[in-house]
Structures are given as structure tokens and as C-alpha cells.
Amino acid sequence: MDKKLLYVSLFSLSWALNIVLGRYLIKTGLHPLNLTYLSLAFSTLIILTYLFLTNPKAIKSGSKQSHIGAIISGIIGGGLANIFGNYGLQLSTATNYGFLIKTAGAFNVLLAFLILREPISKFKGILLTVMLAGSYLLSTNGQLLKPHFGDIFILLAALGYGAASVLNRKVLKK
């Protein structure tokens, strides 16, 4: 199996399990902020362990500006987006979350266009429009301007993930 396909498959599986487990933990009484803290602490522990075991010099590499960018990206994508996402998960369904969080890709394309000046092809434009229209219809049950309260949090989380992705791309280029 190709490594890229393996990594994408493992990411997709872990993301789906994360959504279902998060919804379960919130329904059993865990506060969304506690879930955010525990998720970030566990993820940080795994990433730092991996870096120390595979490439300890990676932590010291990069400029001060790139470290600040990485911290800002972590605050937006790891902190704020996770907080919004967990509140959205509390106030909506795991199914809605699973679909709506995918709009992070659409926000990524839009923010990359605005911040990094990356072009949007016709194909990307069509996909972007379909994705955002579908998200709107899902979050409003097909009604005009009546999104569920939790869905708004999920879309804010998706915006945060998209912004963090664009910031990461900018940091990694340096």
C-alpha cells in the first residue's frame, strides 16, 4: 500500500473515531472545554514523542517568526477551532458535525486565495460553491436562514481549521 494512501486512510479513520468518541463523551457529561483540553494534551504528547523519537532537531529548527506563526496557528486551529467544534458537537449531531467540518477545505481554498494569493480554478470554484451550498442546506434543513445553533459553532471551527492550514502553509514555506 502506498504510504500516502495509508496516512490519509489512518487520518480519516482517526478523525471519524474522534467525532463519535467526542460526541459520546459530551453526552455522558464531559464539558466541551475539558474535552478540548484533554484532546490537545493527548495530541501534543503523541506529536512530541514522535518528534523526539524520529527527529529531535526538528523542534529546534526554524526562525523565531516561524515559531510565532506556528503558535498562532496552534491557538487558532488547535485551541479556538476545537473549542467551537466541541460546543458544536454538544449542540448538534455527530452526523452534522461530520459533514459540516468538511467545509474547512472550502475555507482553506478561500483563505489561501485571499492571504496567499493562490488562484482558484473553475473546478475548485464549482466544488467550493457546491460544498458551501450543501453545508447551508444541511445546517438549515433546507429552510431559509435558519441554521441550528450548534452548526454555527461547527462552521466557525471549520473556518478555524482552514485558517490554521493556510497559516501552516505560510510558516512551512519559511
Protein backbone atom coordinates (compact mmCIF):
# COMPACT_ATOMS: atom_id res chain seq x y z
CA MET A 1 0.00 0.00 0.00
CA ASP A 2 1.21 3.48 -0.84
CA LYS A 3 2.36 5.45 2.24
CA LYS A 4 0.29 8.50 1.31
CA LEU A 5 -2.87 6.41 0.99
CA LEU A 6 -2.10 4.71 4.30
CA TYR A 7 -1.63 8.04 6.09
CA VAL A 8 -4.80 9.55 4.60
CA SER A 9 -6.75 6.41 5.50
CA LEU A 10 -5.43 6.42 9.08
CA PHE A 11 -6.21 10.13 9.40
CA SER A 12 -9.77 9.64 8.10
CA LEU A 13 -10.36 6.72 10.44
CA SER A 14 -8.98 8.55 13.47
CA TRP A 15 -10.98 11.69 12.59
CA ALA A 16 -14.23 9.69 12.38
CA LEU A 17 -13.48 7.93 15.67
CA ASN A 18 -12.64 11.31 17.24
CA ILE A 19 -16.04 12.72 16.25
CA VAL A 20 -18.01 9.73 17.53
CA LEU A 21 -15.97 9.44 20.74
CA GLY A 22 -16.19 13.20 21.34
CA ARG A 23 -19.97 13.16 20.93
CA TYR A 24 -20.20 10.16 23.26
CA LEU A 25 -18.05 11.81 25.95
CA ILE A 26 -20.04 15.06 25.74
CA LYS A 27 -23.34 13.14 26.01
CA THR A 28 -22.01 11.36 29.13
CA GLY A 29 -21.40 14.75 30.79
CA LEU A 30 -17.85 15.80 29.84
CA HIS A 31 -17.74 19.56 29.35
CA PRO A 32 -16.64 20.69 25.84
CA LEU A 33 -13.74 22.72 27.29
CA ASN A 34 -12.48 19.67 29.19
CA LEU A 35 -12.73 17.61 26.01
CA THR A 36 -10.71 20.27 24.17
CA TYR A 37 -8.04 20.29 26.86
CA LEU A 38 -7.76 16.50 27.01
CA SER A 39 -7.66 16.18 23.20
CA LEU A 40 -4.94 18.82 22.87
CA ALA A 41 -2.87 17.41 25.73
CA PHE A 42 -3.05 13.87 24.33
CA SER A 43 -2.29 15.04 20.76
CA THR A 44 0.65 17.15 21.92
CA LEU A 45 2.07 14.23 23.87
CA ILE A 46 1.84 11.95 20.83
CA ILE A 47 3.37 14.52 18.45
CA LEU A 48 6.24 15.43 20.78
CA THR A 49 7.01 11.77 21.44
CA TYR A 50 7.05 11.10 17.70
CA LEU A 51 9.33 14.10 17.04
CA PHE A 52 11.77 13.21 19.82
CA LEU A 53 11.99 9.62 18.59
CA THR A 54 12.28 10.36 14.87
CA ASN A 55 13.83 13.83 14.50
CA PRO A 56 14.73 15.69 17.73
CA LYS A 57 16.38 18.54 15.79
CA ALA A 58 13.04 19.38 14.12
CA ILE A 59 11.84 21.06 17.31
CA LYS A 60 14.80 23.48 17.31
CA SER A 61 14.66 24.26 13.58
CA GLY A 62 13.04 27.34 12.07
CA SER A 63 13.16 31.05 12.72
CA LYS A 64 11.59 32.95 15.59
CA GLN A 65 8.98 34.30 13.15
CA SER A 66 8.06 30.79 12.02
CA HIS A 67 7.75 29.63 15.64
CA ILE A 68 5.40 32.54 16.37
CA GLY A 69 3.37 31.65 13.26
CA ALA A 70 3.18 28.04 14.39
CA ILE A 71 1.99 29.13 17.86
CA ILE A 72 -0.69 31.37 16.34
CA SER A 73 -1.76 28.52 14.07
CA GLY A 74 -1.96 26.22 17.10
CA ILE A 75 -4.09 28.72 19.00
CA ILE A 76 -6.48 29.16 16.06
CA GLY A 77 -6.58 25.59 14.73
CA GLY A 78 -5.87 23.63 17.89
CA GLY A 79 -7.46 25.81 20.53
CA LEU A 80 -10.26 28.02 19.23
CA ALA A 81 -11.38 25.72 16.43
CA ASN A 82 -11.51 22.74 18.79
CA ILE A 83 -13.47 24.73 21.38
CA PHE A 84 -16.01 25.85 18.75
CA GLY A 85 -16.13 22.33 17.32
CA ASN A 86 -16.75 20.69 20.69
CA TYR A 87 -19.52 23.14 21.56
CA GLY A 88 -20.98 22.49 18.12
CA LEU A 89 -20.76 18.76 18.76
CA GLN A 90 -22.60 19.28 22.05
CA LEU A 91 -25.39 21.31 20.42
CA SER A 92 -25.73 19.41 17.13
CA THR A 93 -25.37 15.84 15.93
CA ALA A 94 -22.26 13.82 15.10
CA THR A 95 -23.61 13.44 11.55
CA ASN A 96 -23.98 17.20 11.06
CA TYR A 97 -20.54 17.72 12.55
CA GLY A 98 -19.03 15.12 10.23
CA PHE A 99 -20.45 16.84 7.15
CA LEU A 100 -20.06 20.48 8.19
CA ILE A 101 -16.48 20.20 9.42
CA LYS A 102 -15.52 19.24 5.85
CA THR A 103 -16.17 22.88 4.89
CA ALA A 104 -12.71 23.53 6.33
CA GLY A 105 -11.48 22.60 2.85
CA ALA A 106 -13.66 25.30 1.31
CA PHE A 107 -12.47 27.86 3.84
CA ASN A 108 -8.91 26.73 3.15
CA VAL A 109 -9.30 27.46 -0.58
CA LEU A 110 -10.92 30.85 0.08
CA LEU A 111 -8.33 31.91 2.66
CA ALA A 112 -5.44 30.68 0.51
CA PHE A 113 -6.82 32.85 -2.29
CA LEU A 114 -7.17 35.89 0.00
CA ILE A 115 -3.98 35.53 2.05
CA LEU A 116 -1.53 33.58 -0.11
CA ARG A 117 -2.88 34.78 -3.47
CA GLU A 118 -3.30 31.20 -4.69
CA PRO A 119 -5.53 31.04 -7.78
CA ILE A 120 -8.94 29.37 -7.73
CA SER A 121 -9.57 27.29 -10.85
CA LYS A 122 -13.06 26.91 -12.31
CA PHE A 123 -13.19 23.36 -10.97
CA LYS A 124 -12.25 24.49 -7.45
CA GLY A 125 -14.80 27.29 -7.70
CA ILE A 126 -17.57 24.87 -8.62
CA LEU A 127 -16.60 22.44 -5.84
CA LEU A 128 -16.42 25.32 -3.37
CA THR A 129 -19.89 26.53 -4.33
CA VAL A 130 -21.40 23.03 -4.13
CA MET A 131 -19.73 22.34 -0.77
CA LEU A 132 -20.89 25.61 0.80
CA ALA A 133 -24.42 25.27 -0.64
CA GLY A 134 -24.66 21.70 0.66
CA SER A 135 -23.44 22.79 4.09
CA TYR A 136 -26.02 25.56 4.13
CA LEU A 137 -28.82 23.16 3.21
CA LEU A 138 -27.68 20.62 5.81
CA SER A 139 -27.40 23.16 8.62
CA THR A 140 -30.75 24.82 7.85
CA ASN A 141 -32.74 21.68 6.93
CA GLY A 142 -33.35 23.36 3.57
CA GLN A 143 -35.04 26.37 5.14
CA LEU A 144 -34.08 29.96 4.51
CA LEU A 145 -31.59 31.37 7.06
CA LYS A 146 -32.41 29.09 9.96
CA PRO A 147 -29.21 27.28 10.91
CA HIS A 148 -29.08 25.21 14.07
CA PHE A 149 -27.13 26.97 16.80
CA GLY A 150 -24.59 24.14 17.13
CA ASP A 151 -24.00 24.12 13.37
CA ILE A 152 -22.79 27.73 13.52
CA PHE A 153 -20.13 26.66 16.03
CA ILE A 154 -19.12 23.79 13.75
CA LEU A 155 -18.74 26.18 10.80
CA LEU A 156 -16.64 28.51 12.98
CA ALA A 157 -14.47 25.51 13.84
CA ALA A 158 -14.12 24.69 10.13
CA LEU A 159 -13.12 28.30 9.48
CA GLY A 160 -10.51 28.00 12.24
CA TYR A 161 -9.11 24.77 10.79
CA GLY A 162 -8.95 26.35 7.32
CA ALA A 163 -7.18 29.44 8.70
CA ALA A 164 -4.69 27.28 10.60
CA SER A 165 -3.97 25.28 7.46
CA VAL A 166 -3.22 28.44 5.47
CA LEU A 167 -1.04 29.78 8.29
CA ASN A 168 0.82 26.46 8.43
CA ARG A 169 1.48 26.62 4.71
CA LYS A 170 2.87 30.14 5.10
CA VAL A 171 5.04 29.11 8.08
CA LEU A 172 6.35 25.99 6.37
CA LYS A 173 7.41 27.97 3.30
CA LYS A 174 9.77 29.95 5.55
